[in-house]
């Protein structure tokens, strides 16, 4: 999954939800379910997601939506194989980005 997010220090929940094409309620639900998601909150209680939070959300999205894990299965997978899963996911993400760029160049020719 290639996200279309600008380079920023913090993203609000609306930007993140739009990038993942999900409702904000799902992001809030995943925040409660997964300990790795710890967005900062301002005085009004608005969530501010860091790029690391977005990477964790990408991994959760990949496990739950793309690979079909249950929430409990995804939690266990994240705890047991966090390092291996993260590096594999980063490699897959980079390769998908390269593929998208190559397809764009191919279509321009």
N, C-alpha and C. Protein backbone atom coordinates (compact mmCIF):
# COMPACT_ATOMS: atom_id res chain seq x y z
N UNK A 1 0.84 -1.17 0.00
CA UNK A 1 0.00 0.00 0.00
C UNK A 1 0.89 1.23 0.00
N UNK A 2 0.67 2.09 -0.96
CA UNK A 2 1.43 3.31 -1.08
C UNK A 2 0.57 4.47 -0.60
N UNK A 3 0.99 5.11 0.49
CA UNK A 3 0.20 6.20 1.07
C UNK A 3 0.58 7.53 0.44
N UNK A 4 -0.42 8.35 0.26
CA UNK A 4 -0.22 9.69 -0.28
C UNK A 4 -0.32 10.70 0.87
N UNK A 5 0.75 10.79 1.66
CA UNK A 5 0.80 11.75 2.76
C UNK A 5 1.98 12.68 2.56
N UNK A 6 1.79 13.97 2.79
CA UNK A 6 2.91 14.90 2.69
C UNK A 6 3.90 14.68 3.85
N UNK A 7 5.12 15.13 3.67
CA UNK A 7 6.14 15.02 4.72
C UNK A 7 5.81 16.03 5.81
N UNK A 8 5.41 15.52 6.98
CA UNK A 8 5.09 16.38 8.11
C UNK A 8 5.52 15.69 9.39
N UNK A 9 5.61 16.47 10.46
CA UNK A 9 5.92 15.87 11.76
C UNK A 9 4.70 15.19 12.37
N UNK A 10 3.54 15.78 12.19
CA UNK A 10 2.31 15.25 12.77
C UNK A 10 1.19 15.28 11.74
N UNK A 11 0.35 14.26 11.80
CA UNK A 11 -0.83 14.16 10.94
C UNK A 11 -2.06 14.08 11.84
N UNK A 12 -3.14 14.73 11.44
CA UNK A 12 -4.36 14.58 12.23
C UNK A 12 -5.08 13.30 11.79
N UNK A 13 -6.06 12.89 12.55
CA UNK A 13 -6.72 11.61 12.31
C UNK A 13 -7.46 11.60 10.98
N UNK A 14 -7.96 12.74 10.55
CA UNK A 14 -8.65 12.82 9.27
C UNK A 14 -7.72 12.54 8.09
N UNK A 15 -6.52 13.11 8.15
CA UNK A 15 -5.54 12.87 7.09
C UNK A 15 -5.14 11.40 7.02
N UNK A 16 -4.94 10.81 8.19
CA UNK A 16 -4.53 9.41 8.25
C UNK A 16 -5.65 8.51 7.74
N UNK A 17 -6.87 8.76 8.17
CA UNK A 17 -8.01 7.94 7.73
C UNK A 17 -8.21 8.05 6.23
N UNK A 18 -8.06 9.24 5.69
CA UNK A 18 -8.22 9.44 4.25
C UNK A 18 -7.12 8.71 3.48
N UNK A 19 -5.89 8.72 3.99
CA UNK A 19 -4.79 8.04 3.33
C UNK A 19 -5.02 6.52 3.28
N UNK A 20 -5.60 5.97 4.34
CA UNK A 20 -5.87 4.53 4.41
C UNK A 20 -7.24 4.18 3.82
N UNK A 21 -8.05 5.19 3.48
CA UNK A 21 -9.39 5.00 2.95
C UNK A 21 -10.26 4.22 3.93
N UNK A 22 -10.22 4.63 5.19
CA UNK A 22 -11.05 4.02 6.25
C UNK A 22 -11.70 5.15 7.04
N UNK A 23 -12.63 4.79 7.89
CA UNK A 23 -13.27 5.78 8.77
C UNK A 23 -12.34 6.12 9.93
N UNK A 24 -12.52 7.31 10.48
CA UNK A 24 -11.72 7.71 11.64
C UNK A 24 -12.02 6.84 12.84
N UNK A 25 -13.24 6.31 12.89
CA UNK A 25 -13.60 5.44 14.03
C UNK A 25 -12.75 4.17 14.03
N UNK A 26 -12.38 3.66 12.86
CA UNK A 26 -11.54 2.48 12.80
C UNK A 26 -10.14 2.79 13.33
N UNK A 27 -9.63 3.96 13.02
CA UNK A 27 -8.31 4.37 13.52
C UNK A 27 -8.36 4.46 15.04
N UNK A 28 -9.40 5.09 15.57
CA UNK A 28 -9.55 5.19 17.03
C UNK A 28 -9.68 3.82 17.67
N UNK A 29 -10.42 2.91 17.03
CA UNK A 29 -10.58 1.55 17.55
C UNK A 29 -9.25 0.83 17.57
N UNK A 30 -8.49 0.92 16.49
CA UNK A 30 -7.17 0.27 16.46
C UNK A 30 -6.24 0.86 17.50
N UNK A 31 -6.38 2.16 17.76
CA UNK A 31 -5.55 2.79 18.80
C UNK A 31 -5.81 2.15 20.16
N UNK A 32 -7.08 1.84 20.44
CA UNK A 32 -7.41 1.20 21.72
C UNK A 32 -6.95 -0.25 21.76
N UNK A 33 -7.00 -0.93 20.62
CA UNK A 33 -6.69 -2.36 20.57
C UNK A 33 -5.19 -2.67 20.52
N UNK A 34 -4.41 -1.83 19.86
CA UNK A 34 -2.99 -2.10 19.66
C UNK A 34 -2.14 -1.13 20.49
N UNK A 35 -1.28 -1.71 21.32
CA UNK A 35 -0.42 -0.91 22.20
C UNK A 35 0.63 -0.12 21.44
N UNK A 36 0.99 -0.56 20.24
CA UNK A 36 2.04 0.13 19.50
C UNK A 36 1.58 1.50 18.99
N UNK A 37 0.29 1.72 18.95
CA UNK A 37 -0.23 3.03 18.52
C UNK A 37 -0.40 3.94 19.72
N UNK A 38 0.40 4.96 19.78
CA UNK A 38 0.34 5.93 20.87
C UNK A 38 0.41 7.35 20.31
N UNK A 39 -0.64 7.80 19.60
CA UNK A 39 -0.59 9.16 19.07
C UNK A 39 -0.62 10.18 20.21
N UNK A 40 0.03 11.28 19.97
CA UNK A 40 0.03 12.36 20.96
C UNK A 40 -1.32 13.07 20.87
N UNK A 41 -1.75 13.62 21.99
CA UNK A 41 -3.01 14.37 22.01
C UNK A 41 -2.72 15.77 22.51
N UNK A 42 -3.36 16.76 21.87
CA UNK A 42 -3.19 18.13 22.31
C UNK A 42 -4.17 18.43 23.44
N UNK A 43 -4.22 19.67 23.88
CA UNK A 43 -5.06 20.04 25.01
C UNK A 43 -6.55 19.79 24.74
N UNK A 44 -6.96 19.88 23.48
CA UNK A 44 -8.35 19.64 23.12
C UNK A 44 -8.65 18.15 22.96
N UNK A 45 -7.61 17.31 22.98
CA UNK A 45 -7.82 15.87 22.83
C UNK A 45 -7.70 15.38 21.41
N UNK A 46 -7.31 16.27 20.49
CA UNK A 46 -7.13 15.86 19.10
C UNK A 46 -5.87 15.00 18.96
N UNK A 47 -5.98 13.93 18.22
CA UNK A 47 -4.85 13.01 18.03
C UNK A 47 -3.90 13.56 16.98
N UNK A 48 -2.61 13.44 17.27
CA UNK A 48 -1.57 13.84 16.33
C UNK A 48 -0.66 12.63 16.10
N UNK A 49 -0.70 12.09 14.90
CA UNK A 49 0.06 10.89 14.56
C UNK A 49 1.42 11.26 13.98
N UNK A 50 2.47 10.63 14.49
CA UNK A 50 3.82 10.81 13.97
C UNK A 50 4.02 9.88 12.78
N UNK A 51 5.07 10.10 12.00
CA UNK A 51 5.36 9.15 10.91
C UNK A 51 5.56 7.71 11.41
N UNK A 52 6.10 7.53 12.62
CA UNK A 52 6.23 6.18 13.18
C UNK A 52 4.86 5.57 13.45
N UNK A 53 3.93 6.38 13.96
CA UNK A 53 2.56 5.89 14.17
C UNK A 53 1.93 5.46 12.85
N UNK A 54 2.20 6.23 11.79
CA UNK A 54 1.65 5.90 10.48
C UNK A 54 2.24 4.58 9.97
N UNK A 55 3.54 4.37 10.21
CA UNK A 55 4.16 3.09 9.81
C UNK A 55 3.52 1.93 10.57
N UNK A 56 3.29 2.11 11.86
CA UNK A 56 2.62 1.07 12.64
C UNK A 56 1.20 0.82 12.13
N UNK A 57 0.50 1.88 11.78
CA UNK A 57 -0.84 1.74 11.22
C UNK A 57 -0.80 0.99 9.89
N UNK A 58 0.22 1.28 9.09
CA UNK A 58 0.39 0.57 7.82
C UNK A 58 0.56 -0.92 8.05
N UNK A 59 1.37 -1.25 9.05
CA UNK A 59 1.60 -2.66 9.36
C UNK A 59 0.32 -3.32 9.86
N UNK A 60 -0.41 -2.65 10.72
CA UNK A 60 -1.68 -3.20 11.23
C UNK A 60 -2.67 -3.35 10.08
N UNK A 61 -2.76 -2.35 9.22
CA UNK A 61 -3.66 -2.41 8.07
C UNK A 61 -3.29 -3.60 7.19
N UNK A 62 -2.00 -3.77 6.94
CA UNK A 62 -1.52 -4.88 6.11
C UNK A 62 -1.92 -6.22 6.72
N UNK A 63 -1.71 -6.39 8.02
CA UNK A 63 -2.03 -7.65 8.66
C UNK A 63 -3.53 -7.93 8.68
N UNK A 64 -4.32 -6.92 9.04
CA UNK A 64 -5.75 -7.12 9.24
C UNK A 64 -6.53 -7.10 7.92
N UNK A 65 -6.30 -6.09 7.12
CA UNK A 65 -7.11 -5.91 5.91
C UNK A 65 -6.57 -6.70 4.71
N UNK A 66 -5.26 -6.76 4.54
CA UNK A 66 -4.72 -7.40 3.35
C UNK A 66 -4.42 -8.88 3.55
N UNK A 67 -3.91 -9.24 4.72
CA UNK A 67 -3.58 -10.65 4.96
C UNK A 67 -4.67 -11.40 5.70
N UNK A 68 -5.68 -10.71 6.20
CA UNK A 68 -6.84 -11.35 6.79
C UNK A 68 -6.67 -11.85 8.22
N UNK A 69 -5.73 -11.28 8.96
CA UNK A 69 -5.54 -11.66 10.36
C UNK A 69 -6.73 -11.17 11.18
N UNK A 70 -7.04 -11.90 12.25
CA UNK A 70 -7.99 -11.39 13.23
C UNK A 70 -7.24 -10.37 14.08
N UNK A 71 -7.97 -9.60 14.87
CA UNK A 71 -7.29 -8.61 15.72
C UNK A 71 -6.37 -9.30 16.72
N UNK A 72 -6.84 -10.39 17.31
CA UNK A 72 -6.00 -11.13 18.27
C UNK A 72 -4.79 -11.71 17.58
N UNK A 73 -4.99 -12.25 16.39
CA UNK A 73 -3.87 -12.81 15.63
C UNK A 73 -2.85 -11.75 15.27
N UNK A 74 -3.33 -10.57 14.89
CA UNK A 74 -2.42 -9.47 14.55
C UNK A 74 -1.64 -9.01 15.78
N UNK A 75 -2.32 -8.95 16.94
CA UNK A 75 -1.62 -8.56 18.18
C UNK A 75 -0.51 -9.54 18.50
N UNK A 76 -0.82 -10.83 18.42
CA UNK A 76 0.18 -11.87 18.72
C UNK A 76 1.32 -11.79 17.72
N UNK A 77 0.98 -11.63 16.46
CA UNK A 77 2.00 -11.55 15.41
C UNK A 77 2.92 -10.34 15.63
N UNK A 78 2.34 -9.22 16.01
CA UNK A 78 3.14 -8.02 16.26
C UNK A 78 4.08 -8.21 17.44
N UNK A 79 3.60 -8.86 18.50
CA UNK A 79 4.43 -9.05 19.69
C UNK A 79 5.56 -10.04 19.44
N UNK A 80 5.24 -11.16 18.77
CA UNK A 80 6.22 -12.22 18.60
C UNK A 80 7.24 -11.93 17.50
N UNK A 81 6.77 -11.36 16.41
CA UNK A 81 7.65 -11.20 15.26
C UNK A 81 7.75 -9.76 14.80
N UNK A 82 7.76 -8.84 15.73
CA UNK A 82 7.75 -7.42 15.40
C UNK A 82 8.91 -7.03 14.49
N UNK A 83 10.12 -7.42 14.85
CA UNK A 83 11.30 -7.01 14.08
C UNK A 83 11.27 -7.61 12.68
N UNK A 84 11.02 -8.91 12.57
CA UNK A 84 11.03 -9.57 11.27
C UNK A 84 9.89 -9.05 10.40
N UNK A 85 8.72 -8.92 10.96
CA UNK A 85 7.56 -8.45 10.21
C UNK A 85 7.78 -7.04 9.71
N UNK A 86 8.35 -6.20 10.55
CA UNK A 86 8.57 -4.80 10.17
C UNK A 86 9.54 -4.70 9.00
N UNK A 87 10.64 -5.46 9.05
CA UNK A 87 11.60 -5.38 7.95
C UNK A 87 11.01 -5.96 6.67
N UNK A 88 10.28 -7.06 6.76
CA UNK A 88 9.64 -7.63 5.58
C UNK A 88 8.63 -6.65 5.00
N UNK A 89 7.85 -6.03 5.87
CA UNK A 89 6.84 -5.08 5.41
C UNK A 89 7.49 -3.86 4.75
N UNK A 90 8.59 -3.37 5.31
CA UNK A 90 9.28 -2.23 4.71
C UNK A 90 9.80 -2.57 3.32
N UNK A 91 10.33 -3.78 3.16
CA UNK A 91 10.83 -4.21 1.86
C UNK A 91 9.68 -4.29 0.85
N UNK A 92 8.57 -4.88 1.27
CA UNK A 92 7.41 -4.99 0.38
C UNK A 92 6.90 -3.62 -0.01
N UNK A 93 6.85 -2.71 0.94
CA UNK A 93 6.36 -1.35 0.68
C UNK A 93 7.26 -0.64 -0.33
N UNK A 94 8.57 -0.76 -0.15
CA UNK A 94 9.50 -0.12 -1.09
C UNK A 94 9.37 -0.71 -2.48
N UNK A 95 9.23 -2.03 -2.57
CA UNK A 95 9.07 -2.67 -3.87
C UNK A 95 7.78 -2.26 -4.56
N UNK A 96 6.71 -2.10 -3.79
CA UNK A 96 5.44 -1.64 -4.37
C UNK A 96 5.58 -0.21 -4.88
N UNK A 97 6.34 0.62 -4.16
CA UNK A 97 6.59 1.98 -4.61
C UNK A 97 7.37 2.01 -5.92
N UNK A 98 8.39 1.16 -6.02
CA UNK A 98 9.18 1.07 -7.25
C UNK A 98 8.30 0.59 -8.40
N UNK A 99 7.46 -0.40 -8.13
CA UNK A 99 6.56 -0.93 -9.15
C UNK A 99 5.61 0.16 -9.65
N UNK A 100 5.07 0.95 -8.73
CA UNK A 100 4.16 2.03 -9.12
C UNK A 100 4.86 3.06 -9.99
N UNK A 101 6.10 3.40 -9.63
CA UNK A 101 6.86 4.37 -10.43
C UNK A 101 7.16 3.81 -11.82
N UNK A 102 7.52 2.54 -11.88
CA UNK A 102 7.81 1.92 -13.19
C UNK A 102 6.55 1.85 -14.05
N UNK A 103 5.42 1.52 -13.45
CA UNK A 103 4.17 1.51 -14.22
C UNK A 103 3.81 2.89 -14.72
N UNK A 104 4.08 3.90 -13.91
CA UNK A 104 3.80 5.29 -14.34
C UNK A 104 4.68 5.66 -15.52
N UNK A 105 5.97 5.29 -15.44
CA UNK A 105 6.88 5.57 -16.57
C UNK A 105 6.44 4.81 -17.81
N UNK A 106 6.03 3.58 -17.66
CA UNK A 106 5.58 2.76 -18.78
C UNK A 106 4.38 3.39 -19.45
N UNK A 107 3.44 3.89 -18.65
CA UNK A 107 2.25 4.52 -19.23
C UNK A 107 2.56 5.83 -19.91
N UNK A 108 3.61 6.52 -19.46
CA UNK A 108 3.99 7.79 -20.10
C UNK A 108 4.66 7.57 -21.44
N UNK A 109 5.26 6.39 -21.63
CA UNK A 109 5.91 6.10 -22.90
C UNK A 109 4.91 5.74 -23.92
